[in-house]
N, C-alpha and C. Protein backbone atom coordinates (compact mmCIF):
# COMPACT_ATOMS: atom_id res chain seq x y z
N MET A 1 8.66 29.74 5.71
CA MET A 1 7.82 28.85 4.55
C MET A 1 6.68 28.18 5.34
N LYS A 2 5.64 28.70 4.55
CA LYS A 2 4.25 28.26 5.14
C LYS A 2 3.36 26.81 4.36
N ILE A 3 3.80 25.61 4.49
CA ILE A 3 3.39 24.73 3.79
C ILE A 3 1.87 24.08 4.10
N ARG A 4 1.35 24.22 2.49
CA ARG A 4 -0.22 24.02 2.94
C ARG A 4 -0.70 22.62 1.97
N TYR A 5 -1.13 21.73 2.57
CA TYR A 5 -1.53 20.43 1.70
C TYR A 5 -3.20 20.62 1.29
N GLU A 6 -2.95 20.17 0.00
CA GLU A 6 -4.42 20.57 -0.86
C GLU A 6 -4.15 18.89 -1.17
N GLN A 7 -5.26 18.29 -1.91
CA GLN A 7 -5.98 17.34 -2.67
C GLN A 7 -4.60 16.89 -3.88
N PHE A 8 -4.53 15.75 -4.14
CA PHE A 8 -4.10 15.10 -5.08
C PHE A 8 -4.45 15.06 -6.29
N SER A 9 -4.85 16.12 -7.20
CA SER A 9 -5.39 16.37 -8.33
C SER A 9 -4.94 17.16 -9.95
N GLU A 10 -5.45 16.65 -10.98
CA GLU A 10 -5.28 16.93 -11.79
C GLU A 10 -4.53 18.33 -11.88
N ASN A 11 -5.23 19.69 -11.54
CA ASN A 11 -4.79 20.78 -11.34
C ASN A 11 -2.92 21.14 -10.76
N TYR A 12 -2.52 19.97 -10.85
CA TYR A 12 -1.36 20.31 -10.13
C TYR A 12 -0.72 19.24 -10.53
N GLY A 13 -1.29 18.47 -12.01
CA GLY A 13 -0.38 17.37 -12.99
C GLY A 13 0.87 17.66 -13.47
N HIS A 14 1.13 18.81 -13.71
CA HIS A 14 2.14 19.23 -14.55
C HIS A 14 3.29 19.43 -13.83
N ASP A 15 3.22 19.87 -12.43
CA ASP A 15 4.13 20.16 -11.33
C ASP A 15 4.51 18.65 -10.82
N VAL A 16 3.02 17.87 -10.54
CA VAL A 16 3.91 16.92 -9.85
C VAL A 16 4.90 15.89 -11.16
N ILE A 17 4.31 16.04 -12.10
CA ILE A 17 5.27 15.46 -13.41
C ILE A 17 6.46 16.02 -13.14
N ASP A 18 6.54 17.17 -13.48
CA ASP A 18 7.97 17.61 -13.43
C ASP A 18 9.08 17.59 -12.33
N ILE A 19 8.19 17.31 -11.07
CA ILE A 19 8.79 17.58 -9.22
C ILE A 19 9.29 16.26 -9.94
N PHE A 20 8.63 15.04 -10.32
CA PHE A 20 9.05 13.37 -10.40
C PHE A 20 10.27 13.29 -11.73
N ASN A 21 9.83 14.07 -12.53
CA ASN A 21 10.96 13.92 -14.13
C ASN A 21 12.63 14.66 -13.27
N TYR A 22 12.65 15.06 -12.66
CA TYR A 22 13.50 16.18 -12.07
C TYR A 22 14.64 14.41 -11.37
N TYR A 23 14.05 13.77 -10.39
CA TYR A 23 14.37 12.78 -10.20
C TYR A 23 14.98 11.70 -10.89
N ILE A 24 13.88 11.55 -12.13
CA ILE A 24 14.03 10.89 -12.94
C ILE A 24 15.84 11.27 -13.76
N GLU A 25 15.11 12.25 -13.97
CA GLU A 25 16.48 12.69 -14.91
C GLU A 25 17.96 12.96 -14.44
N ASN A 26 18.08 13.07 -12.56
CA ASN A 26 19.09 13.44 -11.84
C ASN A 26 19.48 12.50 -11.00
N SER A 27 18.43 11.63 -10.86
CA SER A 27 19.16 10.24 -9.64
C SER A 27 18.70 8.84 -9.57
N PHE A 28 18.57 8.34 -8.73
CA PHE A 28 17.98 6.84 -8.51
C PHE A 28 16.70 6.92 -7.42
N ALA A 29 16.47 7.79 -7.59
CA ALA A 29 15.17 8.11 -5.95
C ALA A 29 14.05 7.92 -7.19
N ALA A 30 14.28 8.06 -8.30
CA ALA A 30 12.91 7.29 -9.01
C ALA A 30 13.41 6.70 -10.07
N PHE A 31 12.45 5.24 -9.97
CA PHE A 31 13.08 4.36 -10.97
C PHE A 31 12.85 4.48 -12.95
N PRO A 32 12.28 5.17 -13.27
CA PRO A 32 12.09 5.37 -14.52
C PRO A 32 13.58 5.96 -15.15
N GLU A 33 13.40 5.40 -16.28
CA GLU A 33 14.87 5.89 -17.28
C GLU A 33 14.66 7.04 -18.23
N GLN A 34 13.12 7.61 -18.39
CA GLN A 34 13.28 8.15 -19.44
C GLN A 34 12.01 9.26 -18.55
N ALA A 35 12.01 10.61 -18.78
CA ALA A 35 11.37 11.57 -18.40
C ALA A 35 9.65 11.20 -18.56
N MET A 36 8.70 11.50 -17.73
CA MET A 36 7.41 10.87 -18.35
C MET A 36 6.59 11.89 -18.93
N PRO A 37 5.98 11.95 -19.68
CA PRO A 37 4.90 12.86 -20.43
C PRO A 37 3.47 13.21 -19.45
N HIS A 38 3.70 14.71 -19.19
CA HIS A 38 2.50 15.39 -18.57
C HIS A 38 1.28 14.28 -18.37
N ILE A 39 1.03 13.47 -19.73
CA ILE A 39 -0.41 12.83 -19.45
C ILE A 39 -0.13 11.79 -18.66
N ALA A 40 0.75 11.15 -18.32
CA ALA A 40 0.81 10.02 -17.17
C ALA A 40 0.87 10.39 -15.64
N PHE A 41 0.10 12.04 -15.69
CA PHE A 41 -0.35 11.87 -14.34
C PHE A 41 -2.08 11.08 -13.84
N PRO A 42 -3.14 10.94 -14.68
CA PRO A 42 -3.77 10.37 -14.56
C PRO A 42 -3.34 8.64 -13.77
N VAL A 43 -2.33 8.23 -14.63
CA VAL A 43 -1.45 6.92 -14.27
C VAL A 43 -1.52 7.06 -12.20
N MET A 44 -0.66 8.14 -12.58
CA MET A 44 -0.61 8.22 -10.76
C MET A 44 -1.68 8.30 -10.16
N GLN A 45 -2.36 9.19 -10.00
CA GLN A 45 -3.26 9.31 -9.17
C GLN A 45 -4.35 8.41 -9.24
N SER A 46 -4.54 7.24 -10.52
CA SER A 46 -5.36 6.28 -10.19
C SER A 46 -4.52 5.19 -8.95
N LEU A 47 -3.20 4.88 -8.58
CA LEU A 47 -2.34 4.53 -7.64
C LEU A 47 -2.76 5.15 -6.82
N ALA A 48 -3.50 5.78 -6.57
CA ALA A 48 -3.26 6.29 -5.28
C ALA A 48 -4.73 5.95 -4.82
N LYS A 49 -5.64 6.07 -5.61
CA LYS A 49 -7.08 5.83 -5.71
C LYS A 49 -7.24 4.88 -4.45
N ASP A 50 -8.52 5.33 -3.57
CA ASP A 50 -8.45 5.17 -2.37
C ASP A 50 -7.55 5.47 -1.20
N TYR A 51 -7.01 5.62 -1.38
CA TYR A 51 -5.25 5.99 -0.38
C TYR A 51 -5.18 7.48 -0.25
N PRO A 52 -4.77 7.86 1.12
CA PRO A 52 -4.18 9.48 1.38
C PRO A 52 -2.94 9.93 0.47
N ALA A 53 -3.50 10.97 -0.41
CA ALA A 53 -2.96 12.09 -1.50
C ALA A 53 -2.94 13.27 -1.82
N PHE A 54 -1.80 13.68 -1.36
CA PHE A 54 -1.99 15.40 -1.41
C PHE A 54 -0.80 16.08 -1.99
N ILE A 55 -1.13 17.23 -2.09
CA ILE A 55 0.30 18.66 -2.83
C ILE A 55 0.45 19.00 -1.77
N LEU A 56 2.53 19.38 -1.68
CA LEU A 56 2.25 20.42 -0.92
C LEU A 56 2.48 21.59 -1.61
N LEU A 57 1.80 23.02 -0.90
CA LEU A 57 1.94 24.21 -1.71
C LEU A 57 2.84 24.90 -0.63
N ASP A 58 3.21 26.06 -1.32
CA ASP A 58 4.42 26.59 -0.41
C ASP A 58 3.58 27.97 -0.56
N ASP A 59 2.85 28.62 0.65
CA ASP A 59 2.14 30.10 0.59
C ASP A 59 2.96 31.41 0.72
N ASP A 60 4.19 30.59 0.69
CA ASP A 60 5.01 31.94 0.68
C ASP A 60 5.81 32.12 -0.22
N ALA A 61 5.54 31.32 -1.51
CA ALA A 61 5.78 31.67 -2.94
C ALA A 61 4.50 31.22 -3.42
N ASP A 62 4.16 32.18 -3.30
CA ASP A 62 2.47 32.28 -4.17
C ASP A 62 2.16 30.94 -4.58
N SER A 63 1.63 30.09 -3.61
CA SER A 63 1.16 28.56 -3.77
C SER A 63 1.84 27.54 -4.91
N LYS A 64 3.44 27.73 -4.95
CA LYS A 64 4.04 26.77 -5.57
C LYS A 64 3.92 25.82 -5.05
N CYS A 65 3.34 24.68 -5.80
CA CYS A 65 3.49 22.98 -5.74
C CYS A 65 5.25 22.85 -5.79
N VAL A 66 5.18 22.48 -4.14
CA VAL A 66 6.98 22.11 -3.81
C VAL A 66 7.02 20.82 -3.45
N GLY A 67 5.76 19.89 -4.17
CA GLY A 67 5.89 18.25 -3.43
C GLY A 67 4.38 17.63 -3.31
N PHE A 68 4.82 16.17 -3.36
CA PHE A 68 3.86 15.44 -3.78
C PHE A 68 3.70 14.34 -2.81
N ALA A 69 2.62 13.36 -2.72
CA ALA A 69 2.72 12.52 -1.61
C ALA A 69 1.65 11.60 -1.53
N PHE A 70 1.61 10.21 -1.28
CA PHE A 70 0.44 9.90 -2.10
C PHE A 70 1.33 8.05 -1.07
N LEU A 71 0.03 6.91 -0.85
CA LEU A 71 -0.06 5.88 -0.42
C LEU A 71 -0.68 4.86 -1.57
N LYS A 72 -0.25 3.66 -1.91
CA LYS A 72 -1.11 2.90 -2.92
C LYS A 72 -0.71 1.48 -2.58
N SER A 73 -1.67 0.79 -3.29
CA SER A 73 -2.07 -0.51 -2.29
C SER A 73 -0.08 -1.33 -2.92
N TYR A 74 0.25 -1.98 -1.90
CA TYR A 74 1.50 -2.91 -1.67
C TYR A 74 1.08 -3.90 -3.04
N ASN A 75 0.04 -4.74 -2.56
CA ASN A 75 -0.52 -5.85 -3.27
C ASN A 75 -1.87 -5.83 -3.41
N PRO A 76 -2.90 -5.83 -4.73
CA PRO A 76 -4.54 -5.53 -4.37
C PRO A 76 -4.93 -6.61 -3.86
N MET A 77 -4.41 -7.95 -4.01
CA MET A 77 -5.29 -9.11 -2.72
C MET A 77 -5.06 -8.37 -1.44
N PRO A 78 -6.92 -8.86 -0.88
CA PRO A 78 -7.63 -8.49 0.14
C PRO A 78 -6.46 -8.80 1.75
N ALA A 79 -5.63 -10.06 1.55
CA ALA A 79 -5.09 -10.20 2.58
C ALA A 79 -3.72 -9.35 2.80
N PHE A 80 -3.48 -8.26 1.86
CA PHE A 80 -2.69 -6.95 2.29
C PHE A 80 -3.34 -5.64 2.06
N ARG A 81 -4.47 -5.91 2.82
CA ARG A 81 -5.31 -4.48 2.82
C ARG A 81 -4.81 -3.31 3.93
N PHE A 82 -4.20 -3.97 4.83
CA PHE A 82 -3.80 -3.01 6.04
C PHE A 82 -1.98 -2.92 5.93
N THR A 83 -1.93 -2.94 4.63
CA THR A 83 -0.26 -2.52 4.09
C THR A 83 -0.52 -1.47 2.69
N ALA A 84 0.24 -0.34 3.33
CA ALA A 84 0.19 0.24 2.07
C ALA A 84 1.84 0.59 1.43
N ALA A 85 2.07 1.46 0.61
CA ALA A 85 3.69 1.81 -0.12
C ALA A 85 3.69 2.92 -0.13
N CYS A 86 4.73 4.03 0.16
CA CYS A 86 4.94 5.25 0.66
C CYS A 86 5.28 5.60 -1.01
N THR A 87 4.65 7.11 -1.65
CA THR A 87 5.41 7.87 -2.91
C THR A 87 5.57 9.02 -1.77
N TYR A 88 6.56 10.06 -2.23
CA TYR A 88 7.20 10.97 -1.90
C TYR A 88 7.73 11.85 -2.55
N PHE A 89 8.07 13.27 -2.79
CA PHE A 89 8.84 13.71 -3.86
C PHE A 89 8.52 15.07 -3.42
N LEU A 90 10.23 15.72 -3.00
CA LEU A 90 10.04 17.30 -2.69
C LEU A 90 10.51 18.04 -4.10
N HIS A 91 9.94 19.13 -3.99
CA HIS A 91 10.99 19.64 -5.54
C HIS A 91 12.16 19.93 -4.95
N HIS A 92 13.38 19.51 -5.93
CA HIS A 92 14.69 19.84 -5.17
C HIS A 92 15.00 21.17 -4.61
N GLU A 93 14.96 21.63 -4.83
CA GLU A 93 14.99 23.19 -3.55
C GLU A 93 14.76 22.99 -2.41
N TYR A 94 13.36 22.35 -2.28
CA TYR A 94 13.06 22.26 -0.74
C TYR A 94 13.16 21.13 0.06
N THR A 95 14.95 20.34 -0.62
CA THR A 95 14.90 19.26 0.48
C THR A 95 15.93 19.75 1.39
N GLY A 96 16.33 18.55 2.55
CA GLY A 96 17.35 19.19 3.38
C GLY A 96 16.70 20.35 4.56
N LYS A 97 15.06 20.63 4.37
CA LYS A 97 14.37 21.68 5.24
C LYS A 97 13.72 20.94 6.31
N ASN A 98 13.83 19.81 6.56
CA ASN A 98 12.78 19.56 7.42
C ASN A 98 11.22 18.75 7.13
N LEU A 99 11.33 19.32 5.68
CA LEU A 99 9.84 19.38 5.26
C LEU A 99 9.22 17.36 5.05
N GLY A 100 10.49 16.85 4.59
CA GLY A 100 10.02 15.23 4.29
C GLY A 100 9.72 14.47 5.38
N SER A 101 10.00 14.91 6.63
CA SER A 101 9.24 14.16 8.13
C SER A 101 8.29 14.71 8.33
N SER A 102 8.24 15.80 8.13
CA SER A 102 6.51 16.33 8.03
C SER A 102 5.13 15.83 7.51
N VAL A 103 6.08 15.34 5.80
CA VAL A 103 5.16 14.72 4.85
C VAL A 103 4.95 13.36 5.31
N LEU A 104 5.89 12.80 5.86
CA LEU A 104 5.92 11.56 6.53
C LEU A 104 4.84 11.30 7.65
N ALA A 105 5.07 12.08 8.27
CA ALA A 105 4.13 12.20 9.77
C ALA A 105 2.79 12.07 9.04
N LYS A 106 2.09 13.28 7.81
CA LYS A 106 1.08 13.48 7.66
C LYS A 106 0.42 11.95 6.52
N LEU A 107 1.12 11.48 6.32
CA LEU A 107 0.65 10.15 5.71
C LEU A 107 0.46 9.14 6.35
N GLU A 108 1.33 9.14 7.33
CA GLU A 108 0.95 7.78 8.79
C GLU A 108 0.03 8.51 9.56
N SER A 109 -0.33 9.76 9.68
CA SER A 109 -1.94 10.14 10.48
C SER A 109 -2.82 9.73 9.42
N GLU A 110 -2.56 9.89 8.35
CA GLU A 110 -4.05 9.40 7.63
C GLU A 110 -3.81 8.20 6.98
N ALA A 111 -2.81 7.36 7.36
CA ALA A 111 -3.21 5.94 7.18
C ALA A 111 -3.76 5.44 8.48
N ILE A 112 -3.11 5.57 9.39
CA ILE A 112 -3.96 5.29 10.64
C ILE A 112 -5.28 5.44 10.18
N THR A 113 -6.31 6.30 10.03
CA THR A 113 -7.21 6.87 9.97
C THR A 113 -7.87 5.78 8.75
N LYS A 114 -7.41 5.23 8.13
CA LYS A 114 -7.52 4.45 7.08
C LYS A 114 -7.68 2.92 7.20
N GLY A 115 -7.27 2.49 8.73
CA GLY A 115 -6.86 1.24 9.06
C GLY A 115 -5.74 0.51 8.50
N ILE A 116 -4.89 1.37 7.52
CA ILE A 116 -3.31 0.98 7.20
C ILE A 116 -2.60 0.66 8.95
N ARG A 117 -1.88 -0.31 8.65
CA ARG A 117 -0.87 -0.65 9.83
C ARG A 117 0.43 -0.77 9.01
N THR A 118 0.55 -1.04 8.55
CA THR A 118 1.93 -0.81 7.71
C THR A 118 2.01 -0.62 6.46
N LEU A 119 3.39 0.41 6.93
CA LEU A 119 3.94 1.54 5.50
C LEU A 119 5.12 0.57 5.05
N LEU A 120 5.32 0.72 3.84
CA LEU A 120 6.60 0.08 3.10
C LEU A 120 7.41 1.01 2.20
N ALA A 121 8.33 1.04 2.10
CA ALA A 121 8.86 2.01 1.02
C ALA A 121 10.41 0.91 0.33
N GLU A 122 9.91 1.57 -1.31
CA GLU A 122 10.82 0.78 -1.79
C GLU A 122 12.15 1.88 -2.51
N ILE A 123 13.15 1.39 -2.21
CA ILE A 123 14.28 2.45 -2.36
C ILE A 123 15.33 1.77 -3.10
N SER A 124 15.84 2.53 -4.19
CA SER A 124 17.13 1.88 -4.76
C SER A 124 18.64 2.28 -3.64
N SER A 125 19.22 1.31 -3.95
CA SER A 125 20.58 1.19 -3.12
C SER A 125 21.68 2.61 -3.50
N GLU A 126 21.38 2.77 -4.83
CA GLU A 126 22.35 3.92 -5.14
C GLU A 126 21.56 5.62 -4.71
N ASN A 127 20.47 5.62 -3.63
CA ASN A 127 19.67 6.52 -2.65
C ASN A 127 19.96 6.00 -1.36
N PRO A 128 21.40 6.44 -0.62
CA PRO A 128 21.72 6.46 0.37
C PRO A 128 20.87 7.70 1.33
N GLY A 129 20.33 8.40 1.18
CA GLY A 129 19.85 9.45 1.34
C GLY A 129 18.85 8.69 2.12
N SER A 130 17.69 8.32 1.14
CA SER A 130 16.90 7.98 1.79
C SER A 130 16.46 6.65 2.46
N VAL A 131 17.19 5.97 2.09
CA VAL A 131 17.43 4.89 2.96
C VAL A 131 17.77 5.28 4.75
N GLU A 132 18.39 6.01 4.59
CA GLU A 132 18.97 6.59 6.08
C GLU A 132 17.50 7.69 6.63
N PHE A 133 16.87 8.44 5.96
CA PHE A 133 15.72 9.24 6.10
C PHE A 133 14.87 8.40 6.47
N HIS A 134 14.25 7.25 5.71
CA HIS A 134 13.74 6.68 6.58
C HIS A 134 14.05 5.36 7.67
N ARG A 135 15.19 5.04 7.79
CA ARG A 135 15.42 4.77 9.02
C ARG A 135 15.85 5.59 10.12
N GLN A 136 15.87 6.73 9.91
CA GLN A 136 15.66 8.14 11.40
C GLN A 136 14.27 8.27 11.08
N ASN A 137 13.01 7.57 10.22
CA ASN A 137 11.84 8.03 10.81
C ASN A 137 10.85 6.33 11.37
N GLY A 138 12.21 5.92 11.63
CA GLY A 138 11.49 4.35 12.48
C GLY A 138 11.20 3.27 10.95
N PHE A 139 11.71 2.98 9.86
CA PHE A 139 11.34 2.16 9.02
C PHE A 139 12.71 1.39 9.16
N VAL A 140 12.92 -0.10 9.15
CA VAL A 140 13.71 -0.93 9.23
C VAL A 140 13.79 -1.92 7.75
N GLU A 141 14.87 -2.04 6.98
CA GLU A 141 15.51 -2.98 6.11
C GLU A 141 14.62 -4.09 6.67
N CYS A 142 13.64 -4.47 5.48
CA CYS A 142 13.08 -6.14 5.44
C CYS A 142 13.31 -6.82 4.55
N GLY A 143 14.33 -5.80 3.56
CA GLY A 143 14.50 -7.26 2.35
C GLY A 143 15.20 -6.35 1.45
N ARG A 144 16.16 -7.45 0.29
CA ARG A 144 16.80 -6.64 -0.46
C ARG A 144 16.74 -7.38 -1.37
N LEU A 145 16.35 -7.10 -2.96
CA LEU A 145 16.61 -7.59 -4.07
C LEU A 145 17.93 -7.47 -4.82
N LYS A 146 18.66 -7.94 -4.86
CA LYS A 146 20.60 -7.73 -4.99
C LYS A 146 19.88 -7.76 -6.82
N GLY A 147 20.69 -6.38 -7.10
CA GLY A 147 21.30 -6.36 -8.32
C GLY A 147 20.03 -6.26 -9.23
N ILE A 148 18.85 -6.44 -9.45
CA ILE A 148 17.43 -6.11 -10.36
C ILE A 148 17.08 -5.26 -11.10
N GLY A 149 17.94 -3.78 -10.35
CA GLY A 149 18.03 -2.54 -10.84
C GLY A 149 18.75 -2.29 -12.10
N VAL A 150 18.67 -1.41 -13.24
CA VAL A 150 19.93 -0.73 -14.31
C VAL A 150 19.18 0.25 -14.67
N LYS A 151 20.05 1.49 -14.33
CA LYS A 151 19.43 2.84 -14.62
C LYS A 151 20.75 3.24 -14.92
N MET A 152 21.24 4.26 -15.39
CA MET A 152 22.11 5.09 -16.26
C MET A 152 23.63 3.92 -16.34
N ASN A 153 23.27 3.15 -16.82
CA ASN A 153 24.58 1.93 -16.52
C ASN A 153 24.93 1.27 -15.77
N LYS A 154 24.29 1.68 -14.57
CA LYS A 154 24.14 1.44 -13.28
C LYS A 154 23.69 -0.02 -12.44
N THR A 155 24.31 -0.95 -12.09
CA THR A 155 23.34 -2.06 -11.61
C THR A 155 23.09 -1.96 -10.03
N PHE A 156 21.81 -1.70 -9.75
CA PHE A 156 21.46 -1.63 -8.62
C PHE A 156 20.58 -2.45 -7.76
N ASP A 157 20.64 -2.39 -6.33
CA ASP A 157 19.60 -3.42 -5.38
C ASP A 157 18.88 -2.34 -5.24
N VAL A 158 17.47 -3.44 -4.93
CA VAL A 158 16.13 -2.81 -4.48
C VAL A 158 16.04 -3.02 -3.13
N ILE A 159 16.16 -1.86 -2.29
CA ILE A 159 15.89 -2.52 -0.59
C ILE A 159 14.36 -2.11 -0.41
N TRP A 160 13.71 -2.60 0.37
CA TRP A 160 12.40 -2.81 0.95
C TRP A 160 12.66 -2.40 2.37
N MET A 161 11.63 -1.21 2.90
CA MET A 161 11.80 -1.00 4.37
C MET A 161 10.45 -1.28 4.59
N GLN A 162 10.19 -1.13 6.06
CA GLN A 162 9.00 -1.18 6.24
C GLN A 162 8.84 -0.86 7.40
N LYS A 163 7.86 0.02 8.41
CA LYS A 163 7.44 0.91 9.75
C LYS A 163 6.08 0.09 9.98
N GLU A 164 6.31 -0.36 11.04
CA GLU A 164 5.09 -0.69 11.84
C GLU A 164 4.15 0.68 12.41
N LEU A 165 3.00 1.03 12.30
CA LEU A 165 2.70 1.93 12.92
C LEU A 165 1.49 1.34 13.73
N LYS A 166 1.51 2.86 15.00
CA LYS A 166 0.77 2.52 16.11
C LYS A 166 -0.48 2.82 16.13
N VAL A 167 -1.29 1.63 15.76
CA VAL A 167 -2.60 2.19 15.96
C VAL A 167 -3.45 2.16 16.72
């Protein structure tokens, strides 16, 4: 598998929303309860404005879009300008292939060049795979908001995980 990174752009908007909608409809990895329309891509794009953001393409599969990743503001106040929240999703057929770790490494590298010192991940307690992935990649749990989410008629905690980058 030969993965190539491209700019997070409208050219891949439908693919990004389709990947995200899979997780909306089939898991607790994405918080919305209903699939998003393709016209929602510009909203996602605006969240990533001025932050590292990219699309993953599999050149061995005719440049198929197999994921996306971006950083976004944790809080718009200037006091938090060195902190960013992570968002990344892989096409479900591309999980478990060590791709997530390389995507995270690229995000971290680009974050450092932007002066970001801390990355945050917001994760559902019903997504233990993501909690473990982040733990294995140097994140530590730094907060838990108990029982604040409800999806698929199930209440869940929101877990915040944090990683200090080596700047």
